[in-house]
Amino acid sequence: MNKFLTALVAAFLLAMPTSIVTPVKAHDGGDVYQSGEIIVSHLWTHATSATSDAIEVYLTIDNTGLEGDELIAATTRFTGHGRLQAPAFENGALRVVEAPTLEIAPGQTISFQQGGITLVLPNVQRVLREGDHFDIVFEFANAGAITAEVGVEAPVGADDHDHDDDHDHNGDTKS
């Protein structure tokens, strides 16, 4: 069954529009984290409330190497182990599927975005407020561990825009 879910996520990645599978500018001044040939950047999540049970983390993973790698775990000090989720069609219906790992092909860039692939951290044990930051540890099969910082942005619905354009959060366009 795990191979089936991994295949569904892989099929989703191949079917995504190129705008989702292309590099994006890193958030918060361009912070990037690297181990071996894997680069992690553009990490962010939404602020939560006291009743939030899970958070979704959005990020970009870039494999600059000549060999594939695999994201095998994501952990923080205040949540359960991360779960990889992606939309997929099963029996003609759109569903969210989970995959135990995520393969990143040589030269591939994968952007985790709302409505696409997401990293879900369950069992949140603290409130996240806009402007907060927290550490997350990603474990890759070949590159090893990468510790990165996730920025917390406005709660869902407080800021109706996407993160595909070149802007800051004061309403000014960057040039």
Protein backbone atom coordinates (compact mmCIF):
# COMPACT_ATOMS: atom_id res chain seq x y z
CA MET A 1 0.00 0.00 0.00
CA ASN A 2 2.84 2.43 0.80
CA LYS A 3 4.29 1.96 -2.69
CA PHE A 4 0.83 2.71 -4.11
CA LEU A 5 0.62 6.02 -2.23
CA THR A 6 4.17 6.92 -3.20
CA ALA A 7 3.26 6.21 -6.83
CA LEU A 8 0.17 8.45 -6.53
CA VAL A 9 2.23 11.33 -5.16
CA ALA A 10 4.83 10.79 -7.90
CA ALA A 11 2.08 10.85 -10.52
CA PHE A 12 0.73 14.07 -9.00
CA LEU A 13 4.18 15.65 -9.20
CA LEU A 14 4.52 14.73 -12.86
CA ALA A 15 1.06 16.09 -13.67
CA MET A 16 1.49 19.41 -11.84
CA PRO A 17 1.70 22.62 -13.84
CA THR A 18 5.27 23.81 -14.25
CA SER A 19 4.51 26.89 -12.16
CA ILE A 20 4.34 24.61 -9.11
CA VAL A 21 7.51 22.67 -9.93
CA THR A 22 9.80 25.64 -10.54
CA PRO A 23 12.09 27.47 -8.15
CA VAL A 24 10.56 30.27 -6.09
CA LYS A 25 12.19 33.08 -4.16
CA ALA A 26 12.95 32.15 -0.60
CA HIS A 27 10.80 33.81 2.03
CA ASP A 28 12.16 35.95 4.86
CA GLY A 29 15.15 37.39 3.05
CA GLY A 30 16.18 34.28 1.20
CA ASP A 31 17.11 31.87 4.01
CA VAL A 32 18.25 28.58 2.55
CA TYR A 33 19.44 25.43 4.29
CA GLN A 34 21.63 22.84 2.61
CA SER A 35 23.13 19.43 3.24
CA GLY A 36 24.90 17.65 0.41
CA GLU A 37 23.01 18.34 -2.80
CA ILE A 38 19.65 19.10 -1.13
CA ILE A 39 18.54 22.70 -0.56
CA VAL A 40 15.50 23.58 1.56
CA SER A 41 14.08 27.11 1.39
CA HIS A 42 10.91 29.26 1.52
CA LEU A 43 9.60 27.67 4.74
CA TRP A 44 6.43 29.14 6.21
CA THR A 45 3.15 28.28 7.91
CA HIS A 46 0.05 30.11 9.10
CA ALA A 47 -0.52 31.32 12.66
CA THR A 48 -2.68 28.99 14.76
CA SER A 49 -5.23 29.22 17.55
CA ALA A 50 -5.31 27.38 20.87
CA THR A 51 -7.62 24.79 19.29
CA SER A 52 -5.43 24.01 16.27
CA ASP A 53 -4.55 20.34 16.09
CA ALA A 54 -2.28 20.41 13.03
CA ILE A 55 -0.33 22.85 10.88
CA GLU A 56 0.70 22.72 7.26
CA VAL A 57 4.25 23.76 6.39
CA TYR A 58 5.03 25.05 2.91
CA LEU A 59 8.56 24.96 1.53
CA THR A 60 10.73 24.29 -1.49
CA ILE A 61 13.15 21.38 -1.83
CA ASP A 62 15.76 21.51 -4.58
CA ASN A 63 17.95 18.54 -5.50
CA THR A 64 21.00 20.02 -7.23
CA GLY A 65 22.76 16.67 -7.46
CA LEU A 66 23.11 14.00 -10.11
CA GLU A 67 21.45 11.34 -7.94
CA GLY A 68 17.99 11.18 -6.45
CA ASP A 69 17.32 11.55 -2.74
CA GLU A 70 14.35 10.88 -0.51
CA LEU A 71 12.71 12.90 2.26
CA ILE A 72 12.11 10.29 4.94
CA ALA A 73 11.13 12.33 8.02
CA ALA A 74 10.26 15.80 9.34
CA THR A 75 10.12 16.56 13.06
CA THR A 76 9.77 19.44 15.51
CA ARG A 77 9.90 19.59 19.32
CA PHE A 78 6.20 20.43 19.69
CA THR A 79 4.34 18.33 17.10
CA GLY A 80 4.00 14.76 15.97
CA HIS A 81 6.05 13.43 13.06
CA GLY A 82 5.36 15.17 9.76
CA ARG A 83 3.04 13.58 7.18
CA LEU A 84 3.37 14.20 3.45
CA GLN A 85 0.02 14.82 1.79
CA ALA A 86 -1.00 15.54 -1.79
CA PRO A 87 -4.23 15.64 -3.79
CA ALA A 88 -4.77 12.69 -6.11
CA PHE A 89 -7.59 11.25 -8.18
CA GLU A 90 -8.80 7.85 -6.96
CA ASN A 91 -11.78 6.18 -8.62
CA GLY A 92 -12.72 9.48 -10.29
CA ALA A 93 -12.74 11.46 -7.03
CA LEU A 94 -10.21 13.96 -5.76
CA ARG A 95 -8.82 12.83 -2.42
CA VAL A 96 -5.91 13.68 -0.18
CA VAL A 97 -3.38 10.87 0.01
CA GLU A 98 -0.43 10.41 2.32
CA ALA A 99 2.97 9.09 1.36
CA PRO A 100 5.52 7.79 3.86
CA THR A 101 8.42 9.36 1.94
CA LEU A 102 8.99 11.67 -1.01
CA GLU A 103 11.53 11.00 -3.74
CA ILE A 104 13.30 14.01 -5.23
CA ALA A 105 14.82 13.26 -8.63
CA PRO A 106 18.19 14.68 -9.71
CA GLY A 107 17.76 18.33 -10.68
CA GLN A 108 14.15 18.41 -9.45
CA THR A 109 12.61 21.26 -7.45
CA ILE A 110 9.46 20.53 -5.47
CA SER A 111 7.37 23.34 -3.99
CA PHE A 112 4.96 22.44 -1.20
CA GLN A 113 1.99 24.81 -1.65
CA GLN A 114 -1.59 25.26 -0.57
CA GLY A 115 -3.76 22.97 -2.67
CA GLY A 116 -0.75 20.85 -3.63
CA ILE A 117 1.82 18.85 -1.76
CA THR A 118 1.91 19.79 1.92
CA LEU A 119 3.80 18.75 5.01
CA VAL A 120 1.29 18.30 7.84
CA LEU A 121 2.53 18.42 11.43
CA PRO A 122 -0.12 16.86 13.71
CA ASN A 123 -0.67 17.15 17.47
CA VAL A 124 0.46 20.78 17.76
CA GLN A 125 1.37 21.53 21.39
CA ARG A 126 1.68 25.33 21.21
CA VAL A 127 0.05 28.37 19.67
CA LEU A 128 1.93 29.91 16.74
CA ARG A 129 1.57 33.65 16.32
CA GLU A 130 2.37 35.78 13.30
CA GLY A 131 6.08 36.63 13.42
CA ASP A 132 7.07 33.51 15.40
CA HIS A 133 9.68 31.09 14.11
CA PHE A 134 10.42 27.47 14.95
CA ASP A 135 12.96 24.85 13.97
CA ILE A 136 12.14 21.76 11.96
CA VAL A 137 14.49 18.87 11.16
CA PHE A 138 14.23 17.16 7.78
CA GLU A 139 15.86 13.77 7.33
CA PHE A 140 16.95 12.77 3.82
CA ALA A 141 18.15 9.29 2.86
CA ASN A 142 21.40 10.56 1.28
CA ALA A 143 21.85 14.18 2.37
CA GLY A 144 21.17 13.44 6.04
CA ALA A 145 19.59 15.92 8.44
CA ILE A 146 18.80 19.54 7.64
CA THR A 147 17.61 21.83 10.43
CA ALA A 148 15.66 24.80 9.08
CA GLU A 149 13.62 27.68 10.49
CA VAL A 150 9.93 28.04 9.65
CA GLY A 151 8.39 31.53 9.66
CA VAL A 152 4.83 32.01 10.90
CA GLU A 153 2.59 34.29 8.84
CA ALA A 154 -0.91 35.75 9.27
CA PRO A 155 -3.71 33.30 10.10
CA VAL A 156 -5.69 31.72 7.28
CA GLY A 157 -8.17 34.25 5.86
CA ALA A 158 -6.35 37.28 7.28
CA ASP A 159 -4.29 37.77 4.13
CA ASP A 160 -5.95 36.56 0.94
CA HIS A 161 -3.11 36.27 -1.52
CA ASP A 162 -0.68 33.69 -2.82
CA HIS A 163 3.08 33.58 -2.55
CA ASP A 164 3.95 33.38 -6.24
CA ASP A 165 4.62 37.06 -6.85
CA ASP A 166 7.51 39.26 -5.79
CA HIS A 167 6.23 41.28 -2.83
CA ASP A 168 6.65 41.96 0.84
CA HIS A 169 3.95 41.88 3.49
CA ASN A 170 3.65 45.63 3.87
CA GLY A 171 1.79 45.93 0.56
CA ASP A 172 4.82 47.15 -1.37
CA THR A 173 6.04 45.47 -4.53
CA LYS A 174 9.75 44.68 -4.56
CA SER A 175 11.73 45.82 -7.53
